Amino acid sequence: MKWLMLSMCSVLAGGGTNLACADEFMSGGVKIHYTDTGYGPPVILIHGLGSNVRMNWEMPGTLAQLSKHYRVIALDNRGHGQSGKPEQEGQYGVEMVQDVVRLMDRLHVPKAQVVGYSMGGMIALKLAVLHPDRVSAVVLGGMGWLQSDTPLQHFWEAMQGRGLSHVPAACIHGIAALAVSEADLKGVRVPVTILVGERDVCRRLYVEPLAKVRPDWPVHVIPDAGHINCVGKAEFKTQLAAALKN
């Protein structure tokens, strides 16, 4: 595969010297923008629908906090941020999982802990199902189990208040392909932790069904948080850091 890279690396001072890179590469014919910050065990961050690295991880301070202890790799999913936005059907769904794998290959990361929020959680769990050898642990934020027969209008309810007009329709249509079966869910062998807002509609729609099938996966409810503002809560970052240490 031919990859195009546009590197913009800078040295960031403070608490040690961290190398932070903002790069782009071609993944399956689509430009993917990503950041690579800090040193240590690799952690991959996958943002939610309608968001991007900056909104989901940089602005709440999550990326800066984690990069003190980990090598943090965060990508703008295709259809979002500074990544390419193909309009064709079939360019999303599992292709978004493959973007993560291709990025890992590019950066020579054989295995990583993966954190996904909202749609990013769907991608992270599908990654653990399709490529179990590439994942050492998963943290699902604001998401649980997307089943193949789940009406996706419930997910749109959870996304109310977040403008999605800039997201290609093909991306929204492709979300259904991120569903996993009960057998797939039971077959996941890596540690999985769930973080969900107390008032998040996804708690009832996706997390509670997941907990019935995998009661061994801990669920941490973030007080006074909905779906959109959960990542900005201090408790979310505290629980995320604790989950990655396990």
C-alpha atoms as a PDB file:
ATOM      1  CA  MET A   1       0.000   0.000   0.000  1.00  0.00           C
ATOM      2  CA  LYS A   2       1.270   3.443  -0.891  1.00  0.00           C
ATOM      3  CA  TRP A   3       1.283   5.762   2.089  1.00  0.00           C
ATOM      4  CA  LEU A   4       1.654   9.516   1.987  1.00  0.00           C
ATOM      5  CA  MET A   5       3.066  11.205   5.080  1.00  0.00           C
ATOM      6  CA  LEU A   6       3.089  14.892   5.857  1.00  0.00           C
ATOM      7  CA  SER A   7       5.078  15.303   9.086  1.00  0.00           C
ATOM      8  CA  MET A   8       4.903  18.211  11.475  1.00  0.00           C
ATOM      9  CA  CYS A   9       6.876  17.233  14.585  1.00  0.00           C
ATOM     10  CA  SER A  10       7.719  19.508  17.475  1.00  0.00           C
ATOM     11  CA  VAL A  11       9.385  19.065  20.850  1.00  0.00           C
ATOM     12  CA  LEU A  12       7.172  19.975  23.787  1.00  0.00           C
ATOM     13  CA  ALA A  13       8.775  20.934  27.075  1.00  0.00           C
ATOM     14  CA  GLY A  14       7.473  20.287  30.559  1.00  0.00           C
ATOM     15  CA  GLY A  15       7.894  17.354  32.918  1.00  0.00           C
ATOM     16  CA  GLY A  16      10.421  15.834  30.569  1.00  0.00           C
ATOM     17  CA  THR A  17      10.736  16.122  26.810  1.00  0.00           C
ATOM     18  CA  ASN A  18       7.897  14.701  24.755  1.00  0.00           C
ATOM     19  CA  LEU A  19       7.941  14.391  20.993  1.00  0.00           C
ATOM     20  CA  ALA A  20       4.572  15.341  19.553  1.00  0.00           C
ATOM     21  CA  CYS A  21       3.861  14.639  15.882  1.00  0.00           C
ATOM     22  CA  ALA A  22       0.871  15.555  13.746  1.00  0.00           C
ATOM     23  CA  ASP A  23       0.978  13.436  10.609  1.00  0.00           C
ATOM     24  CA  GLU A  24      -1.143  12.196   7.745  1.00  0.00           C
ATOM     25  CA  PHE A  25      -1.059   8.989   5.723  1.00  0.00           C
ATOM     26  CA  MET A  26      -3.167   7.262   3.105  1.00  0.00           C
ATOM     27  CA  SER A  27      -5.260   4.391   4.457  1.00  0.00           C
ATOM     28  CA  GLY A  28      -7.177   2.429   1.854  1.00  0.00           C
ATOM     29  CA  GLY A  29      -7.099   5.484  -0.392  1.00  0.00           C
ATOM     30  CA  VAL A  30      -8.326   7.897   2.289  1.00  0.00           C
ATOM     31  CA  LYS A  31      -6.189  10.499   4.059  1.00  0.00           C
ATOM     32  CA  ILE A  32      -6.054   9.908   7.807  1.00  0.00           C
ATOM     33  CA  HIS A  33      -4.785  12.622  10.146  1.00  0.00           C
ATOM     34  CA  TYR A  34      -3.344  11.593  13.513  1.00  0.00           C
ATOM     35  CA  THR A  35      -1.244  12.771  16.436  1.00  0.00           C
ATOM     36  CA  ASP A  36       1.490  10.805  18.220  1.00  0.00           C
ATOM     37  CA  THR A  37       2.467  12.211  21.616  1.00  0.00           C
ATOM     38  CA  GLY A  38       4.514  11.097  24.620  1.00  0.00           C
ATOM     39  CA  TYR A  39       6.510   8.015  25.528  1.00  0.00           C
ATOM     40  CA  GLY A  40       5.651   4.725  27.177  1.00  0.00           C
ATOM     41  CA  PRO A  41       3.173   1.905  26.528  1.00  0.00           C
ATOM     42  CA  PRO A  42       0.981   2.757  23.525  1.00  0.00           C
ATOM     43  CA  VAL A  43      -2.603   3.925  23.977  1.00  0.00           C
ATOM     44  CA  ILE A  44      -4.856   4.613  20.986  1.00  0.00           C
ATOM     45  CA  LEU A  45      -7.705   7.123  21.310  1.00  0.00           C
ATOM     46  CA  ILE A  46     -10.720   6.908  18.968  1.00  0.00           C
ATOM     47  CA  HIS A  47     -13.227   9.767  19.047  1.00  0.00           C
ATOM     48  CA  GLY A  48     -16.975   9.778  18.590  1.00  0.00           C
ATOM     49  CA  LEU A  49     -19.337  10.618  15.762  1.00  0.00           C
ATOM     50  CA  GLY A  50     -19.219  14.262  14.728  1.00  0.00           C
ATOM     51  CA  SER A  51     -16.130  14.918  16.828  1.00  0.00           C
ATOM     52  CA  ASN A  52     -12.358  14.827  16.236  1.00  0.00           C
ATOM     53  CA  VAL A  53      -9.103  14.500  18.168  1.00  0.00           C
ATOM     54  CA  ARG A  54      -9.144  18.117  19.274  1.00  0.00           C
ATOM     55  CA  MET A  55     -12.736  18.147  20.545  1.00  0.00           C
ATOM     56  CA  ASN A  56     -12.834  14.685  22.100  1.00  0.00           C
ATOM     57  CA  TRP A  57      -9.355  14.384  23.586  1.00  0.00           C
ATOM     58  CA  GLU A  58      -7.305  17.600  23.442  1.00  0.00           C
ATOM     59  CA  MET A  59      -9.771  20.196  24.720  1.00  0.00           C
ATOM     60  CA  PRO A  60     -10.859  18.174  27.797  1.00  0.00           C
ATOM     61  CA  GLY A  61      -7.176  17.641  28.677  1.00  0.00           C
ATOM     62  CA  THR A  62      -7.260  13.866  28.297  1.00  0.00           C
ATOM     63  CA  LEU A  63      -4.469  13.681  25.732  1.00  0.00           C
ATOM     64  CA  ALA A  64      -2.133  15.880  27.774  1.00  0.00           C
ATOM     65  CA  GLN A  65      -2.802  13.873  30.941  1.00  0.00           C
ATOM     66  CA  LEU A  66      -2.254  10.476  29.359  1.00  0.00           C
ATOM     67  CA  SER A  67       0.850  11.528  27.406  1.00  0.00           C
ATOM     68  CA  LYS A  68       2.701  12.013  30.694  1.00  0.00           C
ATOM     69  CA  HIS A  69       2.762   8.231  31.104  1.00  0.00           C
ATOM     70  CA  TYR A  70       1.952   6.731  27.687  1.00  0.00           C
ATOM     71  CA  ARG A  71       2.641   7.048  24.019  1.00  0.00           C
ATOM     72  CA  VAL A  72      -0.754   8.395  22.970  1.00  0.00           C
ATOM     73  CA  ILE A  73      -1.861   7.932  19.364  1.00  0.00           C
ATOM     74  CA  ALA A  74      -5.109   9.646  18.369  1.00  0.00           C
ATOM     75  CA  LEU A  75      -6.658   9.751  14.908  1.00  0.00           C
ATOM     76  CA  ASP A  76      -9.348  11.785  13.222  1.00  0.00           C
ATOM     77  CA  ASN A  77     -11.663   9.067  11.934  1.00  0.00           C
ATOM     78  CA  ARG A  78     -12.367   9.166   8.216  1.00  0.00           C
ATOM     79  CA  GLY A  79     -15.240  11.539   7.623  1.00  0.00           C
ATOM     80  CA  HIS A  80     -14.083  13.752  10.496  1.00  0.00           C
ATOM     81  CA  GLY A  81     -11.628  16.506  11.392  1.00  0.00           C
ATOM     82  CA  GLN A  82      -8.626  16.803   9.105  1.00  0.00           C
ATOM     83  CA  SER A  83      -9.034  13.312   7.644  1.00  0.00           C
ATOM     84  CA  GLY A  84     -10.539  12.607   4.226  1.00  0.00           C
ATOM     85  CA  LYS A  85     -14.312  12.503   3.867  1.00  0.00           C
ATOM     86  CA  PRO A  86     -15.317  10.021   1.161  1.00  0.00           C
ATOM     87  CA  GLU A  87     -18.959  10.140   0.152  1.00  0.00           C
ATOM     88  CA  GLN A  88     -19.245   6.599  -1.196  1.00  0.00           C
ATOM     89  CA  GLU A  89     -21.223   3.947   0.650  1.00  0.00           C
ATOM     90  CA  GLY A  90     -18.994   1.157   1.946  1.00  0.00           C
ATOM     91  CA  GLN A  91     -16.155   3.532   2.816  1.00  0.00           C
ATOM     92  CA  TYR A  92     -16.951   3.471   6.529  1.00  0.00           C
ATOM     93  CA  GLY A  93     -17.965   0.809   9.047  1.00  0.00           C
ATOM     94  CA  VAL A  94     -15.240  -1.832   9.178  1.00  0.00           C
ATOM     95  CA  GLU A  95     -12.971   0.414   7.089  1.00  0.00           C
ATOM     96  CA  MET A  96     -12.764   2.646  10.168  1.00  0.00           C
ATOM     97  CA  VAL A  97     -11.476  -0.342  12.137  1.00  0.00           C
ATOM     98  CA  GLN A  98      -8.955  -1.056   9.408  1.00  0.00           C
ATOM     99  CA  ASP A  99      -7.736   2.553   9.593  1.00  0.00           C
ATOM    100  CA  VAL A 100      -6.663   1.886  13.185  1.00  0.00           C
ATOM    101  CA  VAL A 101      -4.846  -1.307  12.195  1.00  0.00           C
ATOM    102  CA  ARG A 102      -3.095   0.411   9.284  1.00  0.00           C
ATOM    103  CA  LEU A 103      -2.039   3.239  11.575  1.00  0.00           C
ATOM    104  CA  MET A 104      -0.620   0.743  14.058  1.00  0.00           C
ATOM    105  CA  ASP A 105       1.286  -0.947  11.242  1.00  0.00           C
ATOM    106  CA  ARG A 106       2.616   2.387  10.060  1.00  0.00           C
ATOM    107  CA  LEU A 107       3.883   3.285  13.528  1.00  0.00           C
ATOM    108  CA  HIS A 108       5.207  -0.233  14.202  1.00  0.00           C
ATOM    109  CA  VAL A 109       2.853  -0.731  17.149  1.00  0.00           C
ATOM    110  CA  PRO A 110       2.095  -4.464  17.397  1.00  0.00           C
ATOM    111  CA  LYS A 111      -0.397  -4.143  20.270  1.00  0.00           C
ATOM    112  CA  ALA A 112      -1.975  -1.332  22.284  1.00  0.00           C
ATOM    113  CA  GLN A 113      -4.604  -0.402  24.807  1.00  0.00           C
ATOM    114  CA  VAL A 114      -7.509   1.150  22.909  1.00  0.00           C
ATOM    115  CA  VAL A 115      -9.905   3.805  24.197  1.00  0.00           C
ATOM    116  CA  GLY A 116     -13.020   4.633  22.207  1.00  0.00           C
ATOM    117  CA  TYR A 117     -15.765   7.124  22.982  1.00  0.00           C
ATOM    118  CA  SER A 118     -19.298   6.780  21.570  1.00  0.00           C
ATOM    119  CA  MET A 119     -18.863   5.657  17.941  1.00  0.00           C
ATOM    120  CA  GLY A 120     -15.184   5.271  18.801  1.00  0.00           C
ATOM    121  CA  GLY A 121     -16.254   2.670  21.352  1.00  0.00           C
ATOM    122  CA  MET A 122     -18.022   0.737  18.600  1.00  0.00           C
ATOM    123  CA  ILE A 123     -14.820   0.847  16.554  1.00  0.00           C
ATOM    124  CA  ALA A 124     -12.701  -0.220  19.536  1.00  0.00           C
ATOM    125  CA  LEU A 125     -14.880  -3.214  20.386  1.00  0.00           C
ATOM    126  CA  LYS A 126     -15.061  -4.292  16.737  1.00  0.00           C
ATOM    127  CA  LEU A 127     -11.269  -4.017  16.624  1.00  0.00           C
ATOM    128  CA  ALA A 128     -10.997  -6.358  19.628  1.00  0.00           C
ATOM    129  CA  VAL A 129     -13.270  -8.851  17.836  1.00  0.00           C
ATOM    130  CA  LEU A 130     -11.621  -8.716  14.403  1.00  0.00           C
ATOM    131  CA  HIS A 131      -7.997  -8.222  15.489  1.00  0.00           C
ATOM    132  CA  PRO A 132      -7.655  -9.618  19.016  1.00  0.00           C
ATOM    133  CA  ASP A 133      -3.890  -9.934  18.620  1.00  0.00           C
ATOM    134  CA  ARG A 134      -3.548  -6.133  18.248  1.00  0.00           C
ATOM    135  CA  VAL A 135      -5.405  -5.169  21.439  1.00  0.00           C
ATOM    136  CA  SER A 136      -4.200  -5.574  25.039  1.00  0.00           C
ATOM    137  CA  ALA A 137      -7.157  -3.831  26.729  1.00  0.00           C
ATOM    138  CA  VAL A 138     -10.216  -1.772  25.787  1.00  0.00           C
ATOM    139  CA  VAL A 139     -11.952   1.156  27.463  1.00  0.00           C
ATOM    140  CA  LEU A 140     -15.437   1.937  26.158  1.00  0.00           C
ATOM    141  CA  GLY A 141     -16.623   5.465  26.921  1.00  0.00           C
ATOM    142  CA  GLY A 142     -20.265   6.371  26.454  1.00  0.00           C
ATOM    143  CA  MET A 143     -20.883   3.102  24.643  1.00  0.00           C
ATOM    144  CA  GLY A 144     -21.555  -0.571  25.246  1.00  0.00           C
ATOM    145  CA  TRP A 145     -22.855  -3.261  22.934  1.00  0.00           C
ATOM    146  CA  LEU A 146     -24.111  -2.338  19.467  1.00  0.00           C
ATOM    147  CA  GLN A 147     -26.158  -5.339  18.355  1.00  0.00           C
ATOM    148  CA  SER A 148     -27.015  -6.045  14.737  1.00  0.00           C
ATOM    149  CA  ASP A 149     -30.742  -5.637  15.425  1.00  0.00           C
ATOM    150  CA  THR A 150     -30.419  -2.433  17.472  1.00  0.00           C
ATOM    151  CA  PRO A 151     -32.439   0.386  15.889  1.00  0.00           C
ATOM    152  CA  LEU A 152     -29.826   3.073  15.312  1.00  0.00           C
ATOM    153  CA  GLN A 153     -32.308   5.877  15.840  1.00  0.00           C
ATOM    154  CA  HIS A 154     -31.601   5.344  19.543  1.00  0.00           C
ATOM    155  CA  PHE A 155     -28.007   6.290  18.898  1.00  0.00           C
ATOM    156  CA  TRP A 156     -29.150   9.462  17.155  1.00  0.00           C
ATOM    157  CA  GLU A 157     -31.171  10.298  20.284  1.00  0.00           C
ATOM    158  CA  ALA A 158     -27.963  10.128  22.272  1.00  0.00           C
ATOM    159  CA  MET A 159     -26.294  12.464  19.783  1.00  0.00           C
ATOM    160  CA  GLN A 160     -28.917  15.224  20.027  1.00  0.00           C
ATOM    161  CA  GLY A 161     -27.310  18.629  20.300  1.00  0.00           C
ATOM    162  CA  ARG A 162     -24.225  17.675  18.300  1.00  0.00           C
ATOM    163  CA  GLY A 163     -24.345  18.990  14.747  1.00  0.00           C
ATOM    164  CA  LEU A 164     -23.800  16.175  12.278  1.00  0.00           C
ATOM    165  CA  SER A 165     -24.436  18.012   9.027  1.00  0.00           C
ATOM    166  CA  HIS A 166     -20.695  17.974   8.286  1.00  0.00           C
ATOM    167  CA  VAL A 167     -20.465  14.174   8.608  1.00  0.00           C
ATOM    168  CA  PRO A 168     -20.949  12.304   5.300  1.00  0.00           C
ATOM    169  CA  ALA A 169     -24.200  10.343   5.184  1.00  0.00           C
ATOM    170  CA  ALA A 170     -22.205   7.251   4.196  1.00  0.00           C
ATOM    171  CA  CYS A 171     -20.432   7.398   7.561  1.00  0.00           C
ATOM    172  CA  ILE A 172     -23.726   7.388   9.450  1.00  0.00           C
ATOM    173  CA  HIS A 173     -25.068   4.580   7.270  1.00  0.00           C
ATOM    174  CA  GLY A 174     -21.909   2.552   7.885  1.00  0.00           C
ATOM    175  CA  ILE A 175     -22.254   2.489  11.661  1.00  0.00           C
ATOM    176  CA  ALA A 176     -24.489  -0.597  11.516  1.00  0.00           C
ATOM    177  CA  ALA A 177     -21.513  -2.601  10.206  1.00  0.00           C
ATOM    178  CA  LEU A 178     -19.757  -2.042  13.553  1.00  0.00           C
ATOM    179  CA  ALA A 179     -22.263  -4.279  15.372  1.00  0.00           C
ATOM    180  CA  VAL A 180     -20.981  -7.417  17.097  1.00  0.00           C
ATOM    181  CA  SER A 181     -22.785 -10.643  17.926  1.00  0.00           C
ATOM    182  CA  GLU A 182     -23.296 -12.141  21.375  1.00  0.00           C
ATOM    183  CA  ALA A 183     -20.839 -14.889  20.454  1.00  0.00           C
ATOM    184  CA  ASP A 184     -18.287 -12.252  19.470  1.00  0.00           C
ATOM    185  CA  LEU A 185     -18.844 -10.458  22.757  1.00  0.00           C
ATOM    186  CA  LYS A 186     -18.356 -13.629  24.772  1.00  0.00           C
ATOM    187  CA  GLY A 187     -15.210 -14.385  22.783  1.00  0.00           C
ATOM    188  CA  VAL A 188     -13.354 -11.199  23.757  1.00  0.00           C
ATOM    189  CA  ARG A 189     -10.486 -12.215  26.058  1.00  0.00           C
ATOM    190  CA  VAL A 190      -8.827  -8.869  26.801  1.00  0.00           C
ATOM    191  CA  PRO A 191      -9.822  -6.676  29.777  1.00  0.00           C
ATOM    192  CA  VAL A 192     -12.653  -4.273  28.976  1.00  0.00           C
ATOM    193  CA  THR A 193     -13.781  -1.352  31.140  1.00  0.00           C
ATOM    194  CA  ILE A 194     -16.876   0.786  30.539  1.00  0.00           C
ATOM    195  CA  LEU A 195     -17.188   4.463  31.509  1.00  0.00           C
ATOM    196  CA  VAL A 196     -20.619   6.017  31.012  1.00  0.00           C
ATOM    197  CA  GLY A 197     -22.391   9.149  32.159  1.00  0.00           C
ATOM    198  CA  GLU A 198     -25.115   8.858  34.771  1.00  0.00           C
ATOM    199  CA  ARG A 199     -27.585  10.612  32.466  1.00  0.00           C
ATOM    200  CA  ASP A 200     -26.335   9.138  29.181  1.00  0.00           C
ATOM    201  CA  VAL A 201     -29.115   7.449  27.195  1.00  0.00           C
ATOM    202  CA  CYS A 202     -26.452   4.999  25.953  1.00  0.00           C
ATOM    203  CA  ARG A 203     -26.248   3.639  29.498  1.00  0.00           C
ATOM    204  CA  ARG A 204     -29.689   2.091  29.148  1.00  0.00           C
ATOM    205  CA  LEU A 205     -29.557   1.299  25.442  1.00  0.00           C
ATOM    206  CA  TYR A 206     -26.074  -0.189  25.138  1.00  0.00           C
ATOM    207  CA  VAL A 207     -24.292  -0.537  28.482  1.00  0.00           C
ATOM    208  CA  GLU A 208     -26.978  -2.397  30.408  1.00  0.00           C
ATOM    209  CA  PRO A 209     -27.415  -5.084  27.687  1.00  0.00           C
ATOM    210  CA  LEU A 210     -23.629  -5.473  27.605  1.00  0.00           C
ATOM    211  CA  ALA A 211     -23.442  -5.939  31.371  1.00  0.00           C
ATOM    212  CA  LYS A 212     -25.893  -8.842  31.183  1.00  0.00           C
ATOM    213  CA  VAL A 213     -23.631 -10.745  28.781  1.00  0.00           C
ATOM    214  CA  ARG A 214     -20.287  -9.671  30.279  1.00  0.00           C
ATOM    215  CA  PRO A 215     -20.859  -9.018  33.998  1.00  0.00           C
ATOM    216  CA  ASP A 216     -17.094  -9.456  34.464  1.00  0.00           C
ATOM    217  CA  TRP A 217     -16.456  -6.153  32.681  1.00  0.00           C
ATOM    218  CA  PRO A 218     -16.541  -3.300  35.235  1.00  0.00           C
ATOM    219  CA  VAL A 219     -18.882  -0.378  34.602  1.00  0.00           C
ATOM    220  CA  HIS A 220     -18.061   3.005  36.138  1.00  0.00           C
ATOM    221  CA  VAL A 221     -20.893   5.539  36.109  1.00  0.00           C
ATOM    222  CA  ILE A 222     -19.724   9.167  35.923  1.00  0.00           C
ATOM    223  CA  PRO A 223     -21.958  11.304  38.186  1.00  0.00           C
ATOM    224  CA  ASP A 224     -23.962  14.163  36.704  1.00  0.00           C
ATOM    225  CA  ALA A 225     -22.741  13.446  33.166  1.00  0.00           C
ATOM    226  CA  GLY A 226     -24.625  13.050  29.920  1.00  0.00           C
ATOM    227  CA  HIS A 227     -23.339  11.674  26.635  1.00  0.00           C
ATOM    228  CA  ILE A 228     -21.803  14.874  25.305  1.00  0.00           C
ATOM    229  CA  ASN A 229     -20.181  16.355  28.412  1.00  0.00           C
ATOM    230  CA  CYS A 230     -18.880  13.139  30.001  1.00  0.00           C
ATOM    231  CA  VAL A 231     -15.350  13.436  28.581  1.00  0.00           C
ATOM    232  CA  GLY A 232     -14.989  16.827  30.250  1.00  0.00           C
ATOM    233  CA  LYS A 233     -15.664  15.502  33.741  1.00  0.00           C
ATOM    234  CA  ALA A 234     -12.708  15.072  36.085  1.00  0.00           C
ATOM    235  CA  GLU A 235     -14.102  11.704  37.191  1.00  0.00           C
ATOM    236  CA  PHE A 236     -14.022  10.449  33.608  1.00  0.00           C
ATOM    237  CA  LYS A 237     -10.309  11.199  33.332  1.00  0.00           C
ATOM    238  CA  THR A 238      -9.647   9.691  36.767  1.00  0.00           C
ATOM    239  CA  GLN A 239     -11.453   6.465  35.915  1.00  0.00           C
ATOM    240  CA  LEU A 240      -9.799   6.303  32.496  1.00  0.00           C
ATOM    241  CA  ALA A 241      -6.336   6.589  34.032  1.00  0.00           C
ATOM    242  CA  ALA A 242      -7.205   3.862  36.551  1.00  0.00           C
ATOM    243  CA  ALA A 243      -8.526   1.553  33.810  1.00  0.00           C
ATOM    244  CA  LEU A 244      -5.329   1.897  31.785  1.00  0.00           C
ATOM    245  CA  LYS A 245      -3.174   1.020  34.793  1.00  0.00           C
ATOM    246  CA  ASN A 246      -4.905  -2.344  35.278  1.00  0.00           C
END
